[in-house]
Amino acid sequence: MASLHVTGLKGSGIGPLSLQVGAGETLCIHGPSGSGKTLLLRAIADLDPNSGEVALGDMRRSDIPAHRWRREVMYLAPESHWWADRARPHAPQWPQDMLQALELDSGVLDREIRQLSSGERQRLALIRVLVRSPRVLLLDEPTANLDPNNVEAVEQMIMDYRERHAAAVLWVSHDPAQRERIATRSRRMQQGQLQ
């Protein structure tokens, strides 16, 4: 399995900065709002203009097409975008066990996205990412809109995925208790720099 290596990454509002997330590791990033945490994740995913080098093992981001990189290194936004009216077309499959683990019935897939709660959309977006089997998860506050029971279920699903796939996980969290539960290690971000 491969580690994520970031070297000299610089973009609007961040860097230059470097970091590494090992296969099977969860690195939590925390810091005040506006410190660049989301910008960091978006730059690693190559969603915003940036310079520097990012690699997954020996696969350098600059050597492959952007769509292929984004299938290996997937970004989960706090509020995901949906291009169809309903959830079902957004993933190649919706495993029943994953839906059940996150307390979602299969009927939620055929309801209009605008009728779903923010927590339902957030949990569905996580499943949508995981069924594509990325090697790196870039998670931007993935439990922000969830009640405590669903926070626990989402954390467990991500940790199980990390262990099963030896995935590298970069997780933005403002919650110190959550970081204590899930992080292999943590770093603070301040004014676009990692400390």
N, C-alpha and C. Protein backbone atom coordinates (compact mmCIF):
# COMPACT_ATOMS: atom_id res chain seq x y z
N MET A 1 0.84 -1.19 0.00
CA MET A 1 0.00 0.00 0.00
C MET A 1 0.88 1.25 0.00
N ALA A 2 0.29 2.36 -0.40
CA ALA A 2 1.08 3.56 -0.65
C ALA A 2 0.79 4.66 0.37
N SER A 3 1.83 5.43 0.65
CA SER A 3 1.70 6.61 1.49
C SER A 3 1.48 7.84 0.61
N LEU A 4 0.84 8.86 1.20
CA LEU A 4 0.66 10.14 0.54
C LEU A 4 1.81 11.05 0.94
N HIS A 5 2.49 11.62 -0.05
CA HIS A 5 3.62 12.52 0.18
C HIS A 5 3.30 13.87 -0.45
N VAL A 6 3.40 14.93 0.33
CA VAL A 6 3.15 16.29 -0.14
C VAL A 6 4.43 17.08 0.12
N THR A 7 4.98 17.69 -0.94
CA THR A 7 6.25 18.41 -0.82
C THR A 7 6.13 19.80 -1.44
N GLY A 8 6.37 20.82 -0.66
CA GLY A 8 6.39 22.19 -1.16
C GLY A 8 5.07 22.65 -1.76
N LEU A 9 3.96 22.16 -1.23
CA LEU A 9 2.65 22.51 -1.77
C LEU A 9 2.33 23.97 -1.46
N LYS A 10 1.96 24.71 -2.49
CA LYS A 10 1.64 26.13 -2.32
C LYS A 10 0.46 26.46 -3.21
N GLY A 11 -0.51 27.14 -2.61
CA GLY A 11 -1.69 27.57 -3.35
C GLY A 11 -2.22 28.84 -2.71
N SER A 12 -3.31 29.31 -3.22
CA SER A 12 -3.91 30.52 -2.68
C SER A 12 -4.25 30.30 -1.20
N GLY A 13 -3.58 31.04 -0.31
CA GLY A 13 -3.87 30.95 1.11
C GLY A 13 -3.16 29.87 1.88
N ILE A 14 -2.32 29.04 1.21
CA ILE A 14 -1.60 27.98 1.92
C ILE A 14 -0.16 27.85 1.41
N GLY A 15 0.69 27.39 2.29
CA GLY A 15 2.02 26.94 1.94
C GLY A 15 3.06 28.03 1.81
N PRO A 16 4.24 27.57 1.38
CA PRO A 16 4.52 26.17 1.02
C PRO A 16 4.57 25.28 2.26
N LEU A 17 4.10 24.05 2.08
CA LEU A 17 4.09 23.11 3.19
C LEU A 17 4.29 21.69 2.69
N SER A 18 4.74 20.85 3.59
CA SER A 18 4.99 19.45 3.28
C SER A 18 4.40 18.58 4.38
N LEU A 19 3.96 17.40 4.00
CA LEU A 19 3.45 16.43 4.97
C LEU A 19 3.46 15.05 4.36
N GLN A 20 3.33 14.06 5.21
CA GLN A 20 3.22 12.68 4.78
C GLN A 20 2.16 11.99 5.61
N VAL A 21 1.34 11.17 4.95
CA VAL A 21 0.35 10.35 5.63
C VAL A 21 0.59 8.91 5.18
N GLY A 22 0.97 8.07 6.11
CA GLY A 22 1.28 6.69 5.78
C GLY A 22 0.05 5.87 5.47
N ALA A 23 0.24 4.79 4.74
CA ALA A 23 -0.85 3.85 4.47
C ALA A 23 -1.36 3.32 5.81
N GLY A 24 -2.67 3.35 6.02
CA GLY A 24 -3.27 2.89 7.26
C GLY A 24 -3.19 3.88 8.40
N GLU A 25 -2.83 5.12 8.10
CA GLU A 25 -2.69 6.16 9.12
C GLU A 25 -3.79 7.21 8.97
N THR A 26 -4.19 7.83 10.08
CA THR A 26 -5.11 8.97 10.06
C THR A 26 -4.39 10.17 10.65
N LEU A 27 -4.15 11.17 9.80
CA LEU A 27 -3.58 12.43 10.24
C LEU A 27 -4.71 13.44 10.35
N CYS A 28 -4.94 13.96 11.56
CA CYS A 28 -5.97 14.97 11.75
C CYS A 28 -5.34 16.35 11.67
N ILE A 29 -6.03 17.23 10.96
CA ILE A 29 -5.63 18.63 10.85
C ILE A 29 -6.67 19.45 11.60
N HIS A 30 -6.21 20.36 12.44
CA HIS A 30 -7.12 21.24 13.16
C HIS A 30 -6.54 22.65 13.17
N GLY A 31 -7.37 23.60 13.53
CA GLY A 31 -6.94 24.98 13.59
C GLY A 31 -8.14 25.89 13.44
N PRO A 32 -7.95 27.18 13.61
CA PRO A 32 -9.08 28.10 13.55
C PRO A 32 -9.69 28.17 12.15
N SER A 33 -10.95 28.58 12.10
CA SER A 33 -11.61 28.78 10.81
C SER A 33 -10.81 29.79 10.00
N GLY A 34 -10.68 29.50 8.72
CA GLY A 34 -9.95 30.39 7.84
C GLY A 34 -8.45 30.16 7.82
N SER A 35 -7.98 29.11 8.50
CA SER A 35 -6.53 28.87 8.56
C SER A 35 -6.00 28.13 7.34
N GLY A 36 -6.89 27.62 6.48
CA GLY A 36 -6.45 26.97 5.24
C GLY A 36 -6.64 25.47 5.19
N LYS A 37 -7.37 24.91 6.13
CA LYS A 37 -7.54 23.45 6.18
C LYS A 37 -8.24 22.92 4.93
N THR A 38 -9.36 23.54 4.56
CA THR A 38 -10.09 23.12 3.36
C THR A 38 -9.25 23.37 2.12
N LEU A 39 -8.56 24.50 2.07
CA LEU A 39 -7.71 24.81 0.92
C LEU A 39 -6.62 23.74 0.75
N LEU A 40 -6.08 23.26 1.87
CA LEU A 40 -5.08 22.20 1.83
C LEU A 40 -5.64 20.94 1.19
N LEU A 41 -6.80 20.49 1.66
CA LEU A 41 -7.39 19.27 1.11
C LEU A 41 -7.70 19.44 -0.38
N ARG A 42 -8.28 20.58 -0.74
CA ARG A 42 -8.62 20.83 -2.14
C ARG A 42 -7.37 20.88 -3.03
N ALA A 43 -6.28 21.42 -2.52
CA ALA A 43 -5.04 21.47 -3.29
C ALA A 43 -4.47 20.06 -3.49
N ILE A 44 -4.48 19.25 -2.44
CA ILE A 44 -3.98 17.87 -2.57
C ILE A 44 -4.81 17.10 -3.60
N ALA A 45 -6.12 17.34 -3.60
CA ALA A 45 -7.00 16.66 -4.56
C ALA A 45 -6.89 17.26 -5.96
N ASP A 46 -6.13 18.33 -6.11
CA ASP A 46 -5.94 19.03 -7.39
C ASP A 46 -7.24 19.66 -7.89
N LEU A 47 -8.01 20.20 -6.95
CA LEU A 47 -9.26 20.88 -7.30
C LEU A 47 -9.06 22.39 -7.45
N ASP A 48 -7.98 22.92 -6.86
CA ASP A 48 -7.66 24.34 -6.96
C ASP A 48 -6.23 24.47 -7.48
N PRO A 49 -5.91 25.57 -8.18
CA PRO A 49 -4.55 25.75 -8.69
C PRO A 49 -3.53 25.72 -7.54
N ASN A 50 -2.43 25.02 -7.77
CA ASN A 50 -1.38 24.93 -6.76
C ASN A 50 -0.08 24.49 -7.42
N SER A 51 1.01 24.63 -6.68
CA SER A 51 2.30 24.14 -7.15
C SER A 51 2.89 23.26 -6.06
N GLY A 52 3.97 22.59 -6.40
CA GLY A 52 4.57 21.64 -5.48
C GLY A 52 4.32 20.24 -5.99
N GLU A 53 4.77 19.28 -5.24
CA GLU A 53 4.62 17.89 -5.68
C GLU A 53 3.77 17.11 -4.69
N VAL A 54 2.87 16.30 -5.23
CA VAL A 54 2.05 15.40 -4.43
C VAL A 54 2.18 14.03 -5.08
N ALA A 55 2.39 13.01 -4.26
CA ALA A 55 2.55 11.66 -4.79
C ALA A 55 1.86 10.66 -3.88
N LEU A 56 1.43 9.59 -4.50
CA LEU A 56 0.85 8.45 -3.80
C LEU A 56 1.78 7.28 -4.09
N GLY A 57 2.63 6.97 -3.11
CA GLY A 57 3.69 5.99 -3.37
C GLY A 57 4.60 6.54 -4.45
N ASP A 58 4.81 5.77 -5.52
CA ASP A 58 5.65 6.25 -6.62
C ASP A 58 4.84 6.88 -7.75
N MET A 59 3.54 7.05 -7.55
CA MET A 59 2.68 7.68 -8.56
C MET A 59 2.59 9.18 -8.27
N ARG A 60 3.22 9.98 -9.10
CA ARG A 60 3.20 11.43 -8.92
C ARG A 60 1.95 12.02 -9.57
N ARG A 61 1.31 12.93 -8.86
CA ARG A 61 0.10 13.57 -9.36
C ARG A 61 0.33 14.24 -10.71
N SER A 62 1.50 14.83 -10.89
CA SER A 62 1.81 15.55 -12.13
C SER A 62 1.96 14.63 -13.33
N ASP A 63 2.09 13.32 -13.11
CA ASP A 63 2.30 12.38 -14.21
C ASP A 63 1.03 11.71 -14.72
N ILE A 64 -0.10 11.96 -14.06
CA ILE A 64 -1.32 11.28 -14.48
C ILE A 64 -2.45 12.28 -14.69
N PRO A 65 -3.47 11.91 -15.48
CA PRO A 65 -4.60 12.83 -15.68
C PRO A 65 -5.32 13.11 -14.35
N ALA A 66 -5.86 14.33 -14.24
CA ALA A 66 -6.50 14.76 -12.99
C ALA A 66 -7.64 13.84 -12.58
N HIS A 67 -8.45 13.36 -13.53
CA HIS A 67 -9.59 12.51 -13.15
C HIS A 67 -9.11 11.18 -12.56
N ARG A 68 -7.98 10.69 -13.03
CA ARG A 68 -7.45 9.44 -12.47
C ARG A 68 -6.92 9.68 -11.06
N TRP A 69 -6.23 10.81 -10.85
CA TRP A 69 -5.74 11.15 -9.51
C TRP A 69 -6.90 11.23 -8.52
N ARG A 70 -7.98 11.88 -8.94
CA ARG A 70 -9.12 12.11 -8.04
C ARG A 70 -9.90 10.84 -7.73
N ARG A 71 -9.68 9.78 -8.49
CA ARG A 71 -10.29 8.49 -8.15
C ARG A 71 -9.48 7.77 -7.08
N GLU A 72 -8.18 8.05 -7.02
CA GLU A 72 -7.29 7.44 -6.02
C GLU A 72 -7.26 8.26 -4.73
N VAL A 73 -7.36 9.58 -4.89
CA VAL A 73 -7.25 10.52 -3.77
C VAL A 73 -8.55 11.32 -3.76
N MET A 74 -9.52 10.90 -2.95
CA MET A 74 -10.85 11.48 -3.01
C MET A 74 -11.11 12.45 -1.86
N TYR A 75 -11.68 13.59 -2.25
CA TYR A 75 -12.03 14.66 -1.32
C TYR A 75 -13.51 14.59 -0.98
N LEU A 76 -13.82 14.60 0.31
CA LEU A 76 -15.21 14.64 0.78
C LEU A 76 -15.44 16.00 1.42
N ALA A 77 -16.22 16.84 0.75
CA ALA A 77 -16.50 18.19 1.22
C ALA A 77 -17.50 18.17 2.36
N PRO A 78 -17.55 19.23 3.18
CA PRO A 78 -18.54 19.29 4.26
C PRO A 78 -19.97 19.25 3.72
N GLU A 79 -20.18 19.86 2.59
CA GLU A 79 -21.50 19.83 1.92
C GLU A 79 -21.25 19.41 0.48
N SER A 80 -21.51 18.13 0.18
CA SER A 80 -21.22 17.59 -1.14
C SER A 80 -22.21 18.07 -2.19
N HIS A 81 -21.74 18.06 -3.42
CA HIS A 81 -22.58 18.47 -4.54
C HIS A 81 -23.24 17.24 -5.16
N TRP A 82 -24.43 17.45 -5.66
CA TRP A 82 -25.22 16.38 -6.27
C TRP A 82 -25.71 16.88 -7.63
N TRP A 83 -25.45 16.13 -8.68
CA TRP A 83 -25.81 16.59 -10.02
C TRP A 83 -27.14 16.04 -10.51
N ALA A 84 -27.64 14.99 -9.89
CA ALA A 84 -28.95 14.45 -10.23
C ALA A 84 -29.93 14.81 -9.11
N ASP A 85 -31.22 14.69 -9.39
CA ASP A 85 -32.24 15.04 -8.41
C ASP A 85 -32.29 14.07 -7.23
N ARG A 86 -31.85 12.84 -7.46
CA ARG A 86 -31.91 11.80 -6.42
C ARG A 86 -30.53 11.19 -6.23
N ALA A 87 -30.31 10.52 -5.12
CA ALA A 87 -28.99 9.99 -4.79
C ALA A 87 -28.58 8.79 -5.63
N ARG A 88 -29.53 7.92 -5.98
CA ARG A 88 -29.19 6.63 -6.59
C ARG A 88 -28.21 6.72 -7.77
N PRO A 89 -28.36 7.68 -8.72
CA PRO A 89 -27.43 7.71 -9.86
C PRO A 89 -26.01 8.15 -9.51
N HIS A 90 -25.76 8.58 -8.29
CA HIS A 90 -24.47 9.14 -7.94
C HIS A 90 -23.38 8.13 -7.59
N ALA A 91 -23.72 6.87 -7.52
CA ALA A 91 -22.72 5.85 -7.19
C ALA A 91 -23.02 4.59 -8.00
N PRO A 92 -21.97 3.82 -8.31
CA PRO A 92 -22.19 2.59 -9.08
C PRO A 92 -22.96 1.54 -8.28
N GLN A 93 -22.90 1.65 -6.95
CA GLN A 93 -23.64 0.74 -6.07
C GLN A 93 -23.85 1.42 -4.73
N TRP A 94 -24.86 0.96 -4.03
CA TRP A 94 -25.14 1.46 -2.68
C TRP A 94 -25.30 0.24 -1.78
N PRO A 95 -24.19 -0.30 -1.25
CA PRO A 95 -24.27 -1.52 -0.45
C PRO A 95 -25.23 -1.38 0.73
N GLN A 96 -26.10 -2.36 0.84
CA GLN A 96 -27.12 -2.34 1.89
C GLN A 96 -26.48 -2.31 3.28
N ASP A 97 -25.37 -3.04 3.45
CA ASP A 97 -24.74 -3.05 4.77
C ASP A 97 -24.19 -1.68 5.16
N MET A 98 -23.71 -0.92 4.19
CA MET A 98 -23.22 0.43 4.48
C MET A 98 -24.37 1.36 4.82
N LEU A 99 -25.46 1.26 4.07
CA LEU A 99 -26.64 2.07 4.37
C LEU A 99 -27.14 1.77 5.79
N GLN A 100 -27.24 0.50 6.12
CA GLN A 100 -27.73 0.11 7.44
C GLN A 100 -26.80 0.58 8.55
N ALA A 101 -25.49 0.46 8.32
CA ALA A 101 -24.52 0.88 9.33
C ALA A 101 -24.64 2.36 9.65
N LEU A 102 -25.08 3.14 8.65
CA LEU A 102 -25.23 4.58 8.85
C LEU A 102 -26.69 4.98 9.06
N GLU A 103 -27.52 3.99 9.44
CA GLU A 103 -28.93 4.22 9.76
C GLU A 103 -29.69 4.90 8.63
N LEU A 104 -29.46 4.41 7.42
CA LEU A 104 -30.17 4.91 6.23
C LEU A 104 -30.92 3.74 5.62
N ASP A 105 -32.20 3.93 5.31
CA ASP A 105 -32.93 2.87 4.60
C ASP A 105 -32.76 3.11 3.10
N SER A 106 -32.91 2.06 2.31
CA SER A 106 -32.66 2.17 0.87
C SER A 106 -33.62 3.14 0.19
N GLY A 107 -34.76 3.43 0.80
CA GLY A 107 -35.70 4.39 0.23
C GLY A 107 -35.13 5.80 0.11
N VAL A 108 -34.11 6.10 0.93
CA VAL A 108 -33.51 7.43 0.89
C VAL A 108 -32.86 7.70 -0.47
N LEU A 109 -32.47 6.65 -1.17
CA LEU A 109 -31.81 6.81 -2.47
C LEU A 109 -32.74 7.37 -3.54
N ASP A 110 -34.04 7.19 -3.36
CA ASP A 110 -35.01 7.63 -4.37
C ASP A 110 -35.79 8.87 -3.97
N ARG A 111 -35.45 9.44 -2.84
CA ARG A 111 -36.04 10.73 -2.46
C ARG A 111 -35.25 11.86 -3.11
N GLU A 112 -35.89 12.99 -3.31
CA GLU A 112 -35.19 14.12 -3.89
C GLU A 112 -34.12 14.62 -2.92
N ILE A 113 -32.95 14.95 -3.48
CA ILE A 113 -31.83 15.42 -2.67
C ILE A 113 -32.25 16.59 -1.79
N ARG A 114 -33.03 17.51 -2.33
CA ARG A 114 -33.42 18.70 -1.58
C ARG A 114 -34.32 18.36 -0.38
N GLN A 115 -34.91 17.17 -0.37
CA GLN A 115 -35.76 16.75 0.74
C GLN A 115 -34.97 16.03 1.84
N LEU A 116 -33.71 15.72 1.58
CA LEU A 116 -32.89 15.02 2.56
C LEU A 116 -32.30 16.01 3.56
N SER A 117 -32.12 15.56 4.77
CA SER A 117 -31.47 16.41 5.77
C SER A 117 -29.99 16.54 5.43
N SER A 118 -29.34 17.52 6.02
CA SER A 118 -27.90 17.69 5.78
C SER A 118 -27.13 16.45 6.28
N GLY A 119 -27.59 15.86 7.37
CA GLY A 119 -26.94 14.65 7.89
C GLY A 119 -27.11 13.46 6.96
N GLU A 120 -28.29 13.31 6.36
CA GLU A 120 -28.49 12.23 5.39
C GLU A 120 -27.60 12.43 4.17
N ARG A 121 -27.54 13.66 3.68
CA ARG A 121 -26.68 13.93 2.52
C ARG A 121 -25.22 13.65 2.86
N GLN A 122 -24.80 14.03 4.06
CA GLN A 122 -23.41 13.84 4.46
C GLN A 122 -23.07 12.35 4.54
N ARG A 123 -23.95 11.54 5.10
CA ARG A 123 -23.69 10.10 5.19
C ARG A 123 -23.72 9.43 3.82
N LEU A 124 -24.64 9.85 2.96
CA LEU A 124 -24.68 9.31 1.60
C LEU A 124 -23.43 9.69 0.82
N ALA A 125 -22.95 10.91 1.01
CA ALA A 125 -21.74 11.34 0.32
C ALA A 125 -20.54 10.49 0.74
N LEU A 126 -20.47 10.11 2.00
CA LEU A 126 -19.39 9.24 2.46
C LEU A 126 -19.46 7.89 1.76
N ILE A 127 -20.64 7.29 1.71
CA ILE A 127 -20.78 6.00 1.02
C ILE A 127 -20.39 6.16 -0.44
N ARG A 128 -20.83 7.24 -1.08
CA ARG A 128 -20.52 7.50 -2.49
C ARG A 128 -19.00 7.49 -2.72
N VAL A 129 -18.24 8.03 -1.76
CA VAL A 129 -16.78 8.02 -1.86
C VAL A 129 -16.23 6.61 -1.64
N LEU A 130 -16.64 5.95 -0.57
CA LEU A 130 -16.04 4.67 -0.20
C LEU A 130 -16.28 3.57 -1.21
N VAL A 131 -17.42 3.56 -1.90
CA VAL A 131 -17.68 2.48 -2.87
C VAL A 131 -16.75 2.57 -4.08
N ARG A 132 -16.06 3.69 -4.23
CA ARG A 132 -15.10 3.84 -5.34
C ARG A 132 -13.69 3.38 -4.94
N SER A 133 -13.52 2.95 -3.70
CA SER A 133 -12.28 2.37 -3.19
C SER A 133 -11.04 3.24 -3.40
N PRO A 134 -11.08 4.50 -2.98
CA PRO A 134 -9.87 5.32 -3.10
C PRO A 134 -8.79 4.86 -2.13
N ARG A 135 -7.54 5.19 -2.45
CA ARG A 135 -6.42 4.83 -1.57
C ARG A 135 -6.13 5.91 -0.54
N VAL A 136 -6.66 7.13 -0.79
CA VAL A 136 -6.51 8.23 0.14
C VAL A 136 -7.86 8.89 0.34
N LEU A 137 -8.22 9.16 1.59
CA LEU A 137 -9.44 9.89 1.92
C LEU A 137 -9.05 11.26 2.45
N LEU A 138 -9.58 12.31 1.83
CA LEU A 138 -9.40 13.69 2.29
C LEU A 138 -10.75 14.12 2.84
N LEU A 139 -10.89 14.13 4.15
CA LEU A 139 -12.20 14.30 4.80
C LEU A 139 -12.28 15.67 5.48
N ASP A 140 -13.21 16.49 5.02
CA ASP A 140 -13.37 17.84 5.54
C ASP A 140 -14.59 17.87 6.45
N GLU A 141 -14.36 17.72 7.75
CA GLU A 141 -15.43 17.72 8.75
C GLU A 141 -16.56 16.75 8.37
N PRO A 142 -16.26 15.47 8.19
CA PRO A 142 -17.28 14.52 7.70
C PRO A 142 -18.41 14.23 8.68
N THR A 143 -18.29 14.69 9.94
CA THR A 143 -19.36 14.42 10.92
C THR A 143 -19.99 15.71 11.45
N ALA A 144 -19.75 16.82 10.77
CA ALA A 144 -20.17 18.13 11.30
C ALA A 144 -21.67 18.25 11.50
N ASN A 145 -22.48 17.61 10.69
CA ASN A 145 -23.94 17.77 10.76
C ASN A 145 -24.64 16.58 11.42
N LEU A 146 -23.90 15.79 12.17
CA LEU A 146 -24.46 14.52 12.65
C LEU A 146 -24.67 14.51 14.16
N ASP A 147 -25.68 13.74 14.58
CA ASP A 147 -25.92 13.52 16.00
C ASP A 147 -24.87 12.53 16.52
N PRO A 148 -24.72 12.42 17.84
CA PRO A 148 -23.65 11.57 18.40
C PRO A 148 -23.67 10.12 17.92
N ASN A 149 -24.85 9.50 17.77
CA ASN A 149 -24.90 8.12 17.31
C ASN A 149 -24.35 7.98 15.89
N ASN A 150 -24.71 8.93 15.03
CA ASN A 150 -24.23 8.87 13.66
C ASN A 150 -22.76 9.26 13.56
N VAL A 151 -22.29 10.15 14.44
CA VAL A 151 -20.86 10.45 14.48
C VAL A 151 -20.08 9.16 14.73
N GLU A 152 -20.54 8.40 15.72
CA GLU A 152 -19.87 7.14 16.06
C GLU A 152 -19.89 6.17 14.88
N ALA A 153 -21.03 6.06 14.21
CA ALA A 153 -21.15 5.14 13.08
C ALA A 153 -20.24 5.54 11.92
N VAL A 154 -20.17 6.84 11.63
CA VAL A 154 -19.31 7.33 10.55
C VAL A 154 -17.85 7.11 10.90
N GLU A 155 -17.45 7.45 12.12
CA GLU A 155 -16.07 7.22 12.53
C GLU A 155 -15.70 5.75 12.38
N GLN A 156 -16.60 4.86 12.81
CA GLN A 156 -16.31 3.43 12.73
C GLN A 156 -16.18 2.98 11.28
N MET A 157 -17.06 3.46 10.41
CA MET A 157 -17.00 3.07 9.00
C MET A 157 -15.69 3.52 8.37
N ILE A 158 -15.27 4.73 8.66
CA ILE A 158 -14.02 5.24 8.09
C ILE A 158 -12.82 4.47 8.63
N MET A 159 -12.81 4.18 9.93
CA MET A 159 -11.70 3.44 10.52
C MET A 159 -11.65 2.00 9.98
N ASP A 160 -12.81 1.38 9.82
CA ASP A 160 -12.86 0.04 9.23
C ASP A 160 -12.32 0.07 7.80
N TYR A 161 -12.73 1.08 7.03
CA TYR A 161 -12.26 1.21 5.65
C TYR A 161 -10.74 1.39 5.63
N ARG A 162 -10.24 2.27 6.50
CA ARG A 162 -8.80 2.52 6.57
C ARG A 162 -8.03 1.24 6.84
N GLU A 163 -8.51 0.45 7.78
CA GLU A 163 -7.81 -0.79 8.13
C GLU A 163 -7.91 -1.83 7.03
N ARG A 164 -9.09 -1.99 6.44
CA ARG A 164 -9.29 -2.99 5.39
C ARG A 164 -8.47 -2.68 4.14
N HIS A 165 -8.39 -1.41 3.77
CA HIS A 165 -7.74 -1.01 2.52
C HIS A 165 -6.36 -0.40 2.73
N ALA A 166 -5.89 -0.33 3.98
CA ALA A 166 -4.63 0.34 4.30
C ALA A 166 -4.61 1.72 3.66
N ALA A 167 -5.72 2.42 3.77
CA ALA A 167 -5.85 3.75 3.17
C ALA A 167 -5.17 4.80 4.05
N ALA A 168 -4.68 5.84 3.40
CA ALA A 168 -4.17 7.01 4.11
C ALA A 168 -5.34 7.97 4.28
N VAL A 169 -5.54 8.48 5.49
CA VAL A 169 -6.67 9.36 5.78
C VAL A 169 -6.16 10.69 6.31
N LEU A 170 -6.56 11.77 5.66
CA LEU A 170 -6.29 13.13 6.13
C LEU A 170 -7.64 13.72 6.49
N TRP A 171 -7.84 14.00 7.79
CA TRP A 171 -9.16 14.30 8.35
C TRP A 171 -9.12 15.65 9.05
N VAL A 172 -9.92 16.61 8.58
CA VAL A 172 -10.05 17.90 9.25
C VAL A 172 -11.14 17.78 10.31
N SER A 173 -10.78 18.13 11.55
CA SER A 173 -11.75 18.07 12.64
C SER A 173 -11.48 19.18 13.64
N HIS A 174 -12.54 19.88 14.03
CA HIS A 174 -12.44 20.90 15.08
C HIS A 174 -12.64 20.31 16.48
N ASP A 175 -13.02 19.04 16.54
CA ASP A 175 -13.43 18.42 17.80
C ASP A 175 -12.24 17.69 18.46
N PRO A 176 -11.71 18.21 19.57
CA PRO A 176 -10.56 17.56 20.22
C PRO A 176 -10.86 16.12 20.65
N ALA A 177 -12.07 15.85 21.12
CA ALA A 177 -12.42 14.49 21.54
C ALA A 177 -12.41 13.55 20.34
N GLN A 178 -12.91 14.02 19.21
CA GLN A 178 -12.89 13.19 18.01
C GLN A 178 -11.45 12.91 17.58
N ARG A 179 -10.62 13.92 17.59
CA ARG A 179 -9.22 13.71 17.20
C ARG A 179 -8.56 12.67 18.10
N GLU A 180 -8.89 12.72 19.37
CA GLU A 180 -8.34 11.74 20.32
C GLU A 180 -8.77 10.32 19.95
N ARG A 181 -10.01 10.19 19.48
CA ARG A 181 -10.54 8.86 19.14
C ARG A 181 -9.96 8.31 17.85
N ILE A 182 -9.78 9.17 16.84
CA ILE A 182 -9.52 8.65 15.49
C ILE A 182 -8.11 8.86 14.97
N ALA A 183 -7.37 9.82 15.52
CA ALA A 183 -6.10 10.21 14.90
C ALA A 183 -4.95 9.30 15.29
N THR A 184 -4.14 8.97 14.32
CA THR A 184 -2.84 8.37 14.58
C THR A 184 -1.91 9.47 15.08
N ARG A 185 -2.06 10.66 14.46
CA ARG A 185 -1.34 11.85 14.91
C ARG A 185 -2.11 13.07 14.41
N SER A 186 -1.78 14.25 14.96
CA SER A 186 -2.49 15.49 14.62
C SER A 186 -1.48 16.60 14.35
N ARG A 187 -1.92 17.56 13.51
CA ARG A 187 -1.13 18.77 13.28
C ARG A 187 -2.08 19.96 13.25
N ARG A 188 -1.60 21.07 13.75
CA ARG A 188 -2.38 22.30 13.77
C ARG A 188 -2.03 23.13 12.54
N MET A 189 -3.06 23.76 11.97
CA MET A 189 -2.85 24.67 10.85
C MET A 189 -3.14 26.09 11.30
N GLN A 190 -2.27 27.00 10.92
CA GLN A 190 -2.39 28.40 11.30
C GLN A 190 -1.89 29.24 10.13
N GLN A 191 -2.72 30.14 9.64
CA GLN A 191 -2.37 31.06 8.57
C GLN A 191 -1.71 30.36 7.38
N GLY A 192 -2.33 29.24 6.97
CA GLY A 192 -1.86 28.53 5.78
C GLY A 192 -0.64 27.66 5.96
N GLN A 193 -0.18 27.51 7.21
CA GLN A 193 1.00 26.69 7.49
C GLN A 193 0.68 25.61 8.50
N LEU A 194 1.32 24.47 8.37
CA LEU A 194 1.18 23.39 9.36
C LEU A 194 2.22 23.58 10.44
N GLN A 195 1.81 23.43 11.70
CA GLN A 195 2.73 23.59 12.82
C GLN A 195 2.97 22.24 13.49
